[in-house]
Amino acid sequence: MKKNITYKEIGDYLGKSENTIKGWKQKFPVLLEFAQLGVFCKKNNLDINKISRLVELQEMIKGKE
C-alpha cells in the first residue's frame, strides 16, 4: 500500500500544477488534507464501503483490548 502521496500526484489527479498544490499548504490546509486523503484512497482502491469495513474492524479490535 502506498503511504505517501506527493504534491505532484495530487496535481496530476486534479489537473493542477504541483506548485498550485504546494500553495494549498499555506492557503487551504484543510483542502490539501482532503485532497491527500482522496488521492490516497483512489490510488489504493479504497471506496467508502472498504473504509467503513476498516473502521468497523478497528472498533472490534479496540473492543477486545
N, C-alpha and C. Protein backbone atom coordinates (compact mmCIF):
# COMPACT_ATOMS: atom_id res chain seq x y z
N MET A 1 0.85 -1.18 0.00
CA MET A 1 0.00 0.00 0.00
C MET A 1 0.89 1.24 0.00
N LYS A 2 0.58 2.17 -0.85
CA LYS A 2 1.36 3.40 -0.94
C LYS A 2 1.00 4.31 0.23
N LYS A 3 2.00 4.78 0.96
CA LYS A 3 1.73 5.56 2.16
C LYS A 3 1.79 7.06 1.92
N ASN A 4 2.77 7.53 1.17
CA ASN A 4 2.93 8.96 0.96
C ASN A 4 2.40 9.37 -0.40
N ILE A 5 1.59 10.40 -0.42
CA ILE A 5 1.06 10.95 -1.66
C ILE A 5 1.77 12.28 -1.90
N THR A 6 2.37 12.43 -3.05
CA THR A 6 3.14 13.64 -3.34
C THR A 6 2.23 14.75 -3.89
N TYR A 7 2.74 15.96 -3.83
CA TYR A 7 2.02 17.10 -4.41
C TYR A 7 1.81 16.88 -5.91
N LYS A 8 2.81 16.29 -6.54
CA LYS A 8 2.70 16.02 -7.98
C LYS A 8 1.56 15.05 -8.27
N GLU A 9 1.45 14.00 -7.46
CA GLU A 9 0.37 13.03 -7.66
C GLU A 9 -1.01 13.68 -7.47
N ILE A 10 -1.12 14.52 -6.47
CA ILE A 10 -2.39 15.22 -6.24
C ILE A 10 -2.69 16.12 -7.43
N GLY A 11 -1.69 16.87 -7.86
CA GLY A 11 -1.86 17.77 -9.00
C GLY A 11 -2.24 17.02 -10.27
N ASP A 12 -1.58 15.89 -10.53
CA ASP A 12 -1.90 15.09 -11.71
C ASP A 12 -3.34 14.61 -11.66
N TYR A 13 -3.75 14.15 -10.51
CA TYR A 13 -5.10 13.62 -10.38
C TYR A 13 -6.16 14.72 -10.54
N LEU A 14 -5.86 15.91 -10.01
CA LEU A 14 -6.83 17.01 -10.04
C LEU A 14 -6.67 17.94 -11.24
N GLY A 15 -5.65 17.71 -12.06
CA GLY A 15 -5.42 18.59 -13.20
C GLY A 15 -4.88 19.95 -12.81
N LYS A 16 -4.10 19.96 -11.73
CA LYS A 16 -3.49 21.20 -11.24
C LYS A 16 -1.97 21.03 -11.24
N SER A 17 -1.26 22.15 -11.22
CA SER A 17 0.20 22.06 -11.17
C SER A 17 0.66 21.69 -9.76
N GLU A 18 1.85 21.14 -9.69
CA GLU A 18 2.43 20.80 -8.39
C GLU A 18 2.57 22.04 -7.52
N ASN A 19 2.96 23.17 -8.13
CA ASN A 19 3.09 24.42 -7.38
C ASN A 19 1.77 24.90 -6.80
N THR A 20 0.69 24.70 -7.55
CA THR A 20 -0.64 25.06 -7.04
C THR A 20 -0.96 24.25 -5.79
N ILE A 21 -0.71 22.97 -5.86
CA ILE A 21 -0.98 22.11 -4.71
C ILE A 21 -0.10 22.49 -3.53
N LYS A 22 1.17 22.80 -3.78
CA LYS A 22 2.06 23.24 -2.71
C LYS A 22 1.53 24.51 -2.04
N GLY A 23 0.95 25.40 -2.83
CA GLY A 23 0.39 26.64 -2.29
C GLY A 23 -0.78 26.39 -1.36
N TRP A 24 -1.46 25.28 -1.53
CA TRP A 24 -2.60 24.96 -0.68
C TRP A 24 -2.17 24.74 0.77
N LYS A 25 -0.90 24.36 0.97
CA LYS A 25 -0.42 24.10 2.33
C LYS A 25 -0.60 25.33 3.22
N GLN A 26 -0.33 26.51 2.67
CA GLN A 26 -0.49 27.76 3.43
C GLN A 26 -1.91 28.32 3.32
N LYS A 27 -2.46 28.32 2.11
CA LYS A 27 -3.75 28.98 1.87
C LYS A 27 -4.95 28.12 2.22
N PHE A 28 -4.88 26.83 1.94
CA PHE A 28 -6.03 25.94 2.11
C PHE A 28 -5.61 24.61 2.73
N PRO A 29 -5.10 24.62 3.95
CA PRO A 29 -4.58 23.38 4.54
C PRO A 29 -5.62 22.27 4.66
N VAL A 30 -6.86 22.61 4.95
CA VAL A 30 -7.90 21.59 5.07
C VAL A 30 -8.19 20.98 3.70
N LEU A 31 -8.24 21.80 2.66
CA LEU A 31 -8.45 21.30 1.31
C LEU A 31 -7.31 20.36 0.91
N LEU A 32 -6.09 20.72 1.24
CA LEU A 32 -4.94 19.87 0.94
C LEU A 32 -5.08 18.52 1.65
N GLU A 33 -5.48 18.55 2.90
CA GLU A 33 -5.64 17.30 3.65
C GLU A 33 -6.70 16.40 3.00
N PHE A 34 -7.83 16.99 2.60
CA PHE A 34 -8.87 16.21 1.93
C PHE A 34 -8.38 15.68 0.58
N ALA A 35 -7.63 16.48 -0.14
CA ALA A 35 -7.10 16.03 -1.43
C ALA A 35 -6.13 14.87 -1.22
N GLN A 36 -5.27 14.96 -0.21
CA GLN A 36 -4.33 13.89 0.09
C GLN A 36 -5.08 12.60 0.43
N LEU A 37 -6.10 12.71 1.25
CA LEU A 37 -6.89 11.53 1.62
C LEU A 37 -7.59 10.93 0.41
N GLY A 38 -8.17 11.79 -0.41
CA GLY A 38 -8.87 11.31 -1.59
C GLY A 38 -7.96 10.60 -2.57
N VAL A 39 -6.81 11.19 -2.85
CA VAL A 39 -5.87 10.58 -3.79
C VAL A 39 -5.31 9.29 -3.20
N PHE A 40 -5.03 9.29 -1.90
CA PHE A 40 -4.56 8.06 -1.25
C PHE A 40 -5.58 6.94 -1.43
N CYS A 41 -6.85 7.24 -1.19
CA CYS A 41 -7.90 6.23 -1.34
C CYS A 41 -8.01 5.76 -2.78
N LYS A 42 -7.99 6.68 -3.73
CA LYS A 42 -8.08 6.30 -5.14
C LYS A 42 -6.90 5.43 -5.56
N LYS A 43 -5.70 5.81 -5.16
CA LYS A 43 -4.50 5.06 -5.56
C LYS A 43 -4.48 3.67 -4.93
N ASN A 44 -5.14 3.51 -3.80
CA ASN A 44 -5.15 2.23 -3.10
C ASN A 44 -6.49 1.51 -3.23
N ASN A 45 -7.30 1.96 -4.18
CA ASN A 45 -8.58 1.31 -4.48
C ASN A 45 -9.47 1.17 -3.25
N LEU A 46 -9.54 2.22 -2.44
CA LEU A 46 -10.39 2.22 -1.26
C LEU A 46 -11.64 3.05 -1.55
N ASP A 47 -12.79 2.39 -1.52
CA ASP A 47 -14.04 3.13 -1.67
C ASP A 47 -14.69 3.25 -0.29
N ILE A 48 -15.83 3.90 -0.23
CA ILE A 48 -16.47 4.17 1.06
C ILE A 48 -16.84 2.88 1.79
N ASN A 49 -17.23 1.84 1.05
CA ASN A 49 -17.57 0.57 1.69
C ASN A 49 -16.35 -0.08 2.34
N LYS A 50 -15.23 -0.06 1.66
CA LYS A 50 -14.00 -0.63 2.22
C LYS A 50 -13.55 0.16 3.45
N ILE A 51 -13.66 1.47 3.37
CA ILE A 51 -13.27 2.31 4.51
C ILE A 51 -14.18 2.03 5.70
N SER A 52 -15.48 1.89 5.45
CA SER A 52 -16.44 1.59 6.53
C SER A 52 -16.10 0.26 7.19
N ARG A 53 -15.76 -0.74 6.39
CA ARG A 53 -15.39 -2.04 6.95
C ARG A 53 -14.11 -1.95 7.77
N LEU A 54 -13.16 -1.16 7.31
CA LEU A 54 -11.93 -0.98 8.08
C LEU A 54 -12.20 -0.30 9.42
N VAL A 55 -13.10 0.68 9.43
CA VAL A 55 -13.46 1.37 10.68
C VAL A 55 -14.14 0.38 11.62
N GLU A 56 -15.05 -0.43 11.10
CA GLU A 56 -15.73 -1.44 11.93
C GLU A 56 -14.72 -2.42 12.52
N LEU A 57 -13.78 -2.87 11.71
CA LEU A 57 -12.75 -3.79 12.18
C LEU A 57 -11.91 -3.15 13.28
N GLN A 58 -11.55 -1.90 13.08
CA GLN A 58 -10.77 -1.18 14.08
C GLN A 58 -11.54 -1.09 15.40
N GLU A 59 -12.84 -0.82 15.33
CA GLU A 59 -13.66 -0.73 16.54
C GLU A 59 -13.77 -2.08 17.24
N MET A 60 -13.87 -3.17 16.46
CA MET A 60 -13.92 -4.51 17.05
C MET A 60 -12.63 -4.81 17.78
N ILE A 61 -11.50 -4.47 17.16
CA ILE A 61 -10.20 -4.73 17.77
C ILE A 61 -10.05 -3.93 19.06
N LYS A 62 -10.47 -2.66 19.04
CA LYS A 62 -10.38 -1.83 20.25
C LYS A 62 -11.25 -2.40 21.37
N GLY A 63 -12.41 -2.96 21.00
CA GLY A 63 -13.33 -3.53 21.98
C GLY A 63 -12.78 -4.77 22.65
N LYS A 64 -11.87 -5.47 21.99
CA LYS A 64 -11.29 -6.70 22.54
C LYS A 64 -10.06 -6.45 23.40
N GLU A 65 -9.55 -5.23 23.37
CA GLU A 65 -8.33 -4.92 24.14
C GLU A 65 -8.63 -4.70 25.59
